[in-house]
Amino acid sequence: MSSVHTVKCECGFLSSVSAGGTRENFQNECYFPHYCKKCGIVDVNTAKHEILCPKCNSSDVQAYGTKELSNYKEKEIIPAIQSFNYFAYRFNNYCPACKQLTLEIEPPSILFD
């Protein structure tokens, strides 16, 4: 299953990200939001052997949900976004615009298979 989520920050940053893949292609294409220092928030194909930014091909990308990009609370036990072993919570994620842990990942606006 695949999902599309809106991500927003109090600074005004607004974008959308994808997670997962479809039944037909999940072994070759499975996406999860990552942060690229050059390009900002990007959907990286995690099904590939080498994790690269889809815009600049840099390997200097990090998945959302890691301690460096998220400051989640213990009470947030259900991830807002998940794809296999990748997951991130709704609040306190790194915003590529203001560089604060104020990015929110909203529940999926689109689900498809």
C-alpha atoms as a PDB file:
ATOM      1  CA  MET A   1       0.000   0.000   0.000  1.00  0.00           C
ATOM      2  CA  SER A   2       1.136   3.515  -0.735  1.00  0.00           C
ATOM      3  CA  SER A   3       0.141   6.793   0.845  1.00  0.00           C
ATOM      4  CA  VAL A   4       0.554  10.503   0.197  1.00  0.00           C
ATOM      5  CA  HIS A   5       0.919  12.853   3.163  1.00  0.00           C
ATOM      6  CA  THR A   6       0.968  16.613   3.502  1.00  0.00           C
ATOM      7  CA  VAL A   7       3.883  17.952   5.536  1.00  0.00           C
ATOM      8  CA  LYS A   8       3.700  21.442   6.969  1.00  0.00           C
ATOM      9  CA  CYS A   9       5.496  23.721   9.372  1.00  0.00           C
ATOM     10  CA  GLU A  10       4.488  26.784  11.349  1.00  0.00           C
ATOM     11  CA  CYS A  11       7.119  28.723   9.339  1.00  0.00           C
ATOM     12  CA  GLY A  12       4.937  28.326   6.236  1.00  0.00           C
ATOM     13  CA  PHE A  13       6.694  25.365   4.620  1.00  0.00           C
ATOM     14  CA  LEU A  14       4.220  23.076   2.844  1.00  0.00           C
ATOM     15  CA  SER A  15       4.861  20.003   0.713  1.00  0.00           C
ATOM     16  CA  SER A  16       3.732  16.430   0.178  1.00  0.00           C
ATOM     17  CA  VAL A  17       5.580  13.138   0.612  1.00  0.00           C
ATOM     18  CA  SER A  18       4.933   9.523  -0.355  1.00  0.00           C
ATOM     19  CA  ALA A  19       5.427   6.292   1.528  1.00  0.00           C
ATOM     20  CA  GLY A  20       5.254   2.703   0.353  1.00  0.00           C
ATOM     21  CA  GLY A  21       4.667   1.169  -3.037  1.00  0.00           C
ATOM     22  CA  THR A  22       1.989  -0.667  -4.934  1.00  0.00           C
ATOM     23  CA  ARG A  23       1.351  -4.407  -5.009  1.00  0.00           C
ATOM     24  CA  GLU A  24       2.616  -4.482  -8.562  1.00  0.00           C
ATOM     25  CA  ASN A  25       5.984  -2.788  -8.010  1.00  0.00           C
ATOM     26  CA  PHE A  26       6.867  -2.690  -4.274  1.00  0.00           C
ATOM     27  CA  GLN A  27       9.970  -4.853  -4.789  1.00  0.00           C
ATOM     28  CA  ASN A  28      11.423  -2.273  -7.194  1.00  0.00           C
ATOM     29  CA  GLU A  29       9.819   0.943  -6.004  1.00  0.00           C
ATOM     30  CA  CYS A  30       9.050   1.683  -2.380  1.00  0.00           C
ATOM     31  CA  TYR A  31       9.300   5.264  -1.147  1.00  0.00           C
ATOM     32  CA  PHE A  32       9.863   7.050   2.134  1.00  0.00           C
ATOM     33  CA  PRO A  33      10.666  10.717   2.897  1.00  0.00           C
ATOM     34  CA  HIS A  34      14.308  11.531   3.500  1.00  0.00           C
ATOM     35  CA  TYR A  35      16.213  14.754   4.050  1.00  0.00           C
ATOM     36  CA  CYS A  36      18.897  15.711   1.542  1.00  0.00           C
ATOM     37  CA  LYS A  37      21.182  18.572   2.629  1.00  0.00           C
ATOM     38  CA  LYS A  38      21.143  19.957  -0.910  1.00  0.00           C
ATOM     39  CA  CYS A  39      17.525  19.328  -1.994  1.00  0.00           C
ATOM     40  CA  GLY A  40      15.519  19.298   1.261  1.00  0.00           C
ATOM     41  CA  ILE A  41      12.739  16.761   1.782  1.00  0.00           C
ATOM     42  CA  VAL A  42      12.595  14.122  -0.975  1.00  0.00           C
ATOM     43  CA  ASP A  43      10.915  10.757  -1.566  1.00  0.00           C
ATOM     44  CA  VAL A  44      13.689   8.160  -1.757  1.00  0.00           C
ATOM     45  CA  ASN A  45      13.219   4.754  -3.322  1.00  0.00           C
ATOM     46  CA  THR A  46      14.172   2.500  -0.409  1.00  0.00           C
ATOM     47  CA  ALA A  47      13.787  -0.673  -2.498  1.00  0.00           C
ATOM     48  CA  LYS A  48      17.043   0.106  -4.302  1.00  0.00           C
ATOM     49  CA  HIS A  49      20.322  -1.249  -2.969  1.00  0.00           C
ATOM     50  CA  GLU A  50      21.843   2.235  -2.712  1.00  0.00           C
ATOM     51  CA  ILE A  51      19.773   4.954  -1.038  1.00  0.00           C
ATOM     52  CA  LEU A  52      20.157   8.121  -3.148  1.00  0.00           C
ATOM     53  CA  CYS A  53      18.462  11.494  -3.471  1.00  0.00           C
ATOM     54  CA  PRO A  54      16.227  11.302  -6.565  1.00  0.00           C
ATOM     55  CA  LYS A  55      17.045  14.919  -7.498  1.00  0.00           C
ATOM     56  CA  CYS A  56      20.845  15.175  -7.134  1.00  0.00           C
ATOM     57  CA  ASN A  57      21.865  11.486  -6.701  1.00  0.00           C
ATOM     58  CA  SER A  58      23.638  12.281  -3.422  1.00  0.00           C
ATOM     59  CA  SER A  59      24.024   9.466  -0.916  1.00  0.00           C
ATOM     60  CA  ASP A  60      24.019  12.071   1.882  1.00  0.00           C
ATOM     61  CA  VAL A  61      20.337  11.519   2.747  1.00  0.00           C
ATOM     62  CA  GLN A  62      18.714  10.553   6.011  1.00  0.00           C
ATOM     63  CA  ALA A  63      15.294   9.032   6.638  1.00  0.00           C
ATOM     64  CA  TYR A  64      12.707  10.920   8.614  1.00  0.00           C
ATOM     65  CA  GLY A  65      11.947   9.187  11.904  1.00  0.00           C
ATOM     66  CA  THR A  66      15.608   8.999  12.944  1.00  0.00           C
ATOM     67  CA  LYS A  67      16.811  10.766  16.094  1.00  0.00           C
ATOM     68  CA  GLU A  68      18.609  13.396  13.984  1.00  0.00           C
ATOM     69  CA  LEU A  69      15.441  14.413  12.119  1.00  0.00           C
ATOM     70  CA  SER A  70      12.710  13.719  14.670  1.00  0.00           C
ATOM     71  CA  ASN A  71      12.096  14.388  18.328  1.00  0.00           C
ATOM     72  CA  TYR A  72       9.108  12.192  19.053  1.00  0.00           C
ATOM     73  CA  LYS A  73       7.523  11.651  22.425  1.00  0.00           C
ATOM     74  CA  GLU A  74       7.150   8.208  23.972  1.00  0.00           C
ATOM     75  CA  LYS A  75       3.345   8.587  23.984  1.00  0.00           C
ATOM     76  CA  GLU A  76       3.301   8.721  20.168  1.00  0.00           C
ATOM     77  CA  ILE A  77       3.175   4.995  19.649  1.00  0.00           C
ATOM     78  CA  ILE A  78       1.476   4.925  16.257  1.00  0.00           C
ATOM     79  CA  PRO A  79       3.572   6.306  13.387  1.00  0.00           C
ATOM     80  CA  ALA A  80       1.998   8.897  11.098  1.00  0.00           C
ATOM     81  CA  ILE A  81       3.848   7.429   8.154  1.00  0.00           C
ATOM     82  CA  GLN A  82       5.339   3.971   7.646  1.00  0.00           C
ATOM     83  CA  SER A  83       6.873   1.848   4.920  1.00  0.00           C
ATOM     84  CA  PHE A  84       8.338  -1.514   5.947  1.00  0.00           C
ATOM     85  CA  ASN A  85      11.098  -0.730   8.517  1.00  0.00           C
ATOM     86  CA  TYR A  86      10.883   3.031   7.986  1.00  0.00           C
ATOM     87  CA  PHE A  87       8.526   5.069  10.143  1.00  0.00           C
ATOM     88  CA  ALA A  88       8.085   8.614  11.435  1.00  0.00           C
ATOM     89  CA  TYR A  89       5.689  10.210  13.871  1.00  0.00           C
ATOM     90  CA  ARG A  90       3.344  13.112  13.276  1.00  0.00           C
ATOM     91  CA  PHE A  91       4.985  15.922  15.244  1.00  0.00           C
ATOM     92  CA  ASN A  92       8.462  17.333  15.924  1.00  0.00           C
ATOM     93  CA  ASN A  93      10.178  16.512  12.636  1.00  0.00           C
ATOM     94  CA  TYR A  94      12.975  18.520  11.007  1.00  0.00           C
ATOM     95  CA  CYS A  95      11.774  21.314   8.722  1.00  0.00           C
ATOM     96  CA  PRO A  96      14.054  21.887   5.720  1.00  0.00           C
ATOM     97  CA  ALA A  97      12.988  25.553   5.561  1.00  0.00           C
ATOM     98  CA  CYS A  98      13.433  26.885   9.111  1.00  0.00           C
ATOM     99  CA  LYS A  99      15.781  24.103  10.339  1.00  0.00           C
ATOM    100  CA  GLN A 100      13.682  23.482  13.477  1.00  0.00           C
ATOM    101  CA  LEU A 101      11.940  20.342  14.750  1.00  0.00           C
ATOM    102  CA  THR A 102       8.524  21.811  13.928  1.00  0.00           C
ATOM    103  CA  LEU A 103       7.485  19.874  10.804  1.00  0.00           C
ATOM    104  CA  GLU A 104       4.194  17.992  11.046  1.00  0.00           C
ATOM    105  CA  ILE A 105       3.366  14.919   8.963  1.00  0.00           C
ATOM    106  CA  GLU A 106      -0.394  14.828   8.521  1.00  0.00           C
ATOM    107  CA  PRO A 107      -2.406  11.608   8.180  1.00  0.00           C
ATOM    108  CA  PRO A 108      -2.588  10.323   4.600  1.00  0.00           C
ATOM    109  CA  SER A 109      -4.659  12.334   2.165  1.00  0.00           C
ATOM    110  CA  ILE A 110      -4.451   9.595  -0.478  1.00  0.00           C
ATOM    111  CA  LEU A 111      -4.129   5.822  -0.128  1.00  0.00           C
ATOM    112  CA  PHE A 112      -3.642   3.525  -3.102  1.00  0.00           C
ATOM    113  CA  ASP A 113      -2.494   0.025  -3.897  1.00  0.00           C
END
